[in-house]
């Protein structure tokens, strides 16, 4: 069994309130969950309206499949025009960990 996690540090575009921030972050989290069957949530920067941290986790029996899902999630977030991807942290854990 393999567990993979990604953490995205995002700079949001023209956002002036926490309400506008939610309107940008929620669709990204929902798309990650719907398209890739991962657990995803905003995990940091909740009090900052121009920054967001989104974390996700996925479990798989196959390391190759896990890496593929994480790669697709990263490409999807990086391609969103309303956010700038500042950094990505990736962790993989296997049975040996």
C-alpha atoms as a PDB file:
ATOM      1  CA  UNK A   1       0.000   0.000   0.000  1.00  0.00           C
ATOM      2  CA  UNK A   2       1.311   3.424  -0.976  1.00  0.00           C
ATOM      3  CA  UNK A   3       0.213   6.836   0.253  1.00  0.00           C
ATOM      4  CA  UNK A   4       1.028  10.034  -1.616  1.00  0.00           C
ATOM      5  CA  UNK A   5       0.475  13.613  -0.538  1.00  0.00           C
ATOM      6  CA  UNK A   6       0.765  16.934  -2.335  1.00  0.00           C
ATOM      7  CA  UNK A   7       0.709  20.399  -0.834  1.00  0.00           C
ATOM      8  CA  UNK A   8       0.227  23.393  -3.136  1.00  0.00           C
ATOM      9  CA  UNK A   9       1.176  26.933  -2.094  1.00  0.00           C
ATOM     10  CA  UNK A  10      -0.935  29.259  -4.240  1.00  0.00           C
ATOM     11  CA  UNK A  11      -0.994  32.988  -4.880  1.00  0.00           C
ATOM     12  CA  UNK A  12      -4.495  34.056  -5.858  1.00  0.00           C
ATOM     13  CA  UNK A  13      -5.092  36.668  -8.515  1.00  0.00           C
ATOM     14  CA  UNK A  14      -7.493  39.585  -8.138  1.00  0.00           C
ATOM     15  CA  UNK A  15      -9.009  38.567  -4.777  1.00  0.00           C
ATOM     16  CA  UNK A  16      -9.997  41.215  -2.250  1.00  0.00           C
ATOM     17  CA  UNK A  17     -11.860  39.253   0.431  1.00  0.00           C
ATOM     18  CA  UNK A  18     -12.095  35.842   2.053  1.00  0.00           C
ATOM     19  CA  UNK A  19     -15.432  35.339   0.298  1.00  0.00           C
ATOM     20  CA  UNK A  20     -13.788  35.863  -3.108  1.00  0.00           C
ATOM     21  CA  UNK A  21     -10.982  33.543  -2.022  1.00  0.00           C
ATOM     22  CA  UNK A  22     -13.497  30.764  -1.284  1.00  0.00           C
ATOM     23  CA  UNK A  23     -14.985  31.223  -4.761  1.00  0.00           C
ATOM     24  CA  UNK A  24     -11.534  30.445  -6.232  1.00  0.00           C
ATOM     25  CA  UNK A  25     -10.360  27.693  -3.855  1.00  0.00           C
ATOM     26  CA  UNK A  26     -13.558  25.635  -3.560  1.00  0.00           C
ATOM     27  CA  UNK A  27     -13.840  24.812  -7.297  1.00  0.00           C
ATOM     28  CA  UNK A  28     -10.189  23.679  -7.375  1.00  0.00           C
ATOM     29  CA  UNK A  29     -10.692  21.383  -4.377  1.00  0.00           C
ATOM     30  CA  UNK A  30     -13.955  20.038  -5.819  1.00  0.00           C
ATOM     31  CA  UNK A  31     -12.378  19.314  -9.221  1.00  0.00           C
ATOM     32  CA  UNK A  32      -9.452  17.464  -7.612  1.00  0.00           C
ATOM     33  CA  UNK A  33     -11.885  15.329  -5.618  1.00  0.00           C
ATOM     34  CA  UNK A  34     -14.221  14.670  -8.543  1.00  0.00           C
ATOM     35  CA  UNK A  35     -11.691  14.013 -11.311  1.00  0.00           C
ATOM     36  CA  UNK A  36      -9.004  12.142  -9.405  1.00  0.00           C
ATOM     37  CA  UNK A  37     -10.776  10.571  -6.382  1.00  0.00           C
ATOM     38  CA  UNK A  38      -8.360  12.131  -3.891  1.00  0.00           C
ATOM     39  CA  UNK A  39      -8.957  13.647  -0.478  1.00  0.00           C
ATOM     40  CA  UNK A  40      -8.369  17.388  -0.826  1.00  0.00           C
ATOM     41  CA  UNK A  41      -8.899  20.465   1.334  1.00  0.00           C
ATOM     42  CA  UNK A  42      -7.597  23.939   2.033  1.00  0.00           C
ATOM     43  CA  UNK A  43      -5.044  23.255   4.761  1.00  0.00           C
ATOM     44  CA  UNK A  44      -3.269  26.565   5.335  1.00  0.00           C
ATOM     45  CA  UNK A  45      -3.453  30.293   4.927  1.00  0.00           C
ATOM     46  CA  UNK A  46      -7.150  30.452   5.798  1.00  0.00           C
ATOM     47  CA  UNK A  47      -6.791  33.952   7.240  1.00  0.00           C
ATOM     48  CA  UNK A  48      -4.954  35.330   4.190  1.00  0.00           C
ATOM     49  CA  UNK A  49      -7.103  36.287   1.239  1.00  0.00           C
ATOM     50  CA  UNK A  50      -4.428  36.263  -1.492  1.00  0.00           C
ATOM     51  CA  UNK A  51      -2.690  33.025  -0.458  1.00  0.00           C
ATOM     52  CA  UNK A  52      -3.963  29.478  -0.108  1.00  0.00           C
ATOM     53  CA  UNK A  53      -2.503  26.110   0.702  1.00  0.00           C
ATOM     54  CA  UNK A  54      -4.315  23.093  -0.692  1.00  0.00           C
ATOM     55  CA  UNK A  55      -3.370  19.625   0.471  1.00  0.00           C
ATOM     56  CA  UNK A  56      -4.362  16.296  -0.986  1.00  0.00           C
ATOM     57  CA  UNK A  57      -3.785  12.641  -0.239  1.00  0.00           C
ATOM     58  CA  UNK A  58      -4.278   9.486  -2.255  1.00  0.00           C
ATOM     59  CA  UNK A  59      -3.862   5.789  -1.438  1.00  0.00           C
ATOM     60  CA  UNK A  60      -3.030   3.112  -3.997  1.00  0.00           C
ATOM     61  CA  UNK A  61      -1.741  -0.425  -4.151  1.00  0.00           C
ATOM     62  CA  UNK A  62       0.473   0.488  -7.108  1.00  0.00           C
ATOM     63  CA  UNK A  63       3.288   3.051  -6.862  1.00  0.00           C
ATOM     64  CA  UNK A  64       3.105   3.799 -10.594  1.00  0.00           C
ATOM     65  CA  UNK A  65      -0.608   4.591 -10.435  1.00  0.00           C
ATOM     66  CA  UNK A  66      -0.033   6.764  -7.361  1.00  0.00           C
ATOM     67  CA  UNK A  67       2.678   8.787  -9.118  1.00  0.00           C
ATOM     68  CA  UNK A  68       0.458   9.188 -12.189  1.00  0.00           C
ATOM     69  CA  UNK A  69      -2.455  10.543 -10.119  1.00  0.00           C
ATOM     70  CA  UNK A  70      -0.185  12.984  -8.263  1.00  0.00           C
ATOM     71  CA  UNK A  71       1.332  14.173 -11.567  1.00  0.00           C
ATOM     72  CA  UNK A  72      -2.123  14.774 -13.077  1.00  0.00           C
ATOM     73  CA  UNK A  73      -3.282  16.676  -9.976  1.00  0.00           C
ATOM     74  CA  UNK A  74      -0.193  18.877 -10.078  1.00  0.00           C
ATOM     75  CA  UNK A  75      -0.653  19.655 -13.785  1.00  0.00           C
ATOM     76  CA  UNK A  76      -4.334  20.497 -13.249  1.00  0.00           C
ATOM     77  CA  UNK A  77      -3.590  22.998 -10.459  1.00  0.00           C
ATOM     78  CA  UNK A  78      -0.642  24.519 -12.360  1.00  0.00           C
ATOM     79  CA  UNK A  79      -2.859  25.073 -15.408  1.00  0.00           C
ATOM     80  CA  UNK A  80      -5.494  27.084 -13.516  1.00  0.00           C
ATOM     81  CA  UNK A  81      -5.282  30.686 -14.821  1.00  0.00           C
ATOM     82  CA  UNK A  82      -6.741  32.274 -11.674  1.00  0.00           C
ATOM     83  CA  UNK A  83      -3.871  31.095  -9.432  1.00  0.00           C
ATOM     84  CA  UNK A  84      -0.088  31.170  -9.499  1.00  0.00           C
ATOM     85  CA  UNK A  85       1.518  27.984  -8.226  1.00  0.00           C
ATOM     86  CA  UNK A  86       4.353  29.114  -5.939  1.00  0.00           C
ATOM     87  CA  UNK A  87       5.513  25.709  -4.702  1.00  0.00           C
ATOM     88  CA  UNK A  88       4.572  22.047  -4.508  1.00  0.00           C
ATOM     89  CA  UNK A  89       5.612  19.585  -1.820  1.00  0.00           C
ATOM     90  CA  UNK A  90       5.258  15.900  -2.629  1.00  0.00           C
ATOM     91  CA  UNK A  91       5.633  12.966  -0.254  1.00  0.00           C
ATOM     92  CA  UNK A  92       5.366   9.259  -0.980  1.00  0.00           C
ATOM     93  CA  UNK A  93       5.086   6.624   1.718  1.00  0.00           C
ATOM     94  CA  UNK A  94       5.306   2.901   1.104  1.00  0.00           C
ATOM     95  CA  UNK A  95       4.978  -0.226   3.236  1.00  0.00           C
ATOM     96  CA  UNK A  96       8.602   0.160   4.340  1.00  0.00           C
ATOM     97  CA  UNK A  97       7.990   3.577   5.963  1.00  0.00           C
END
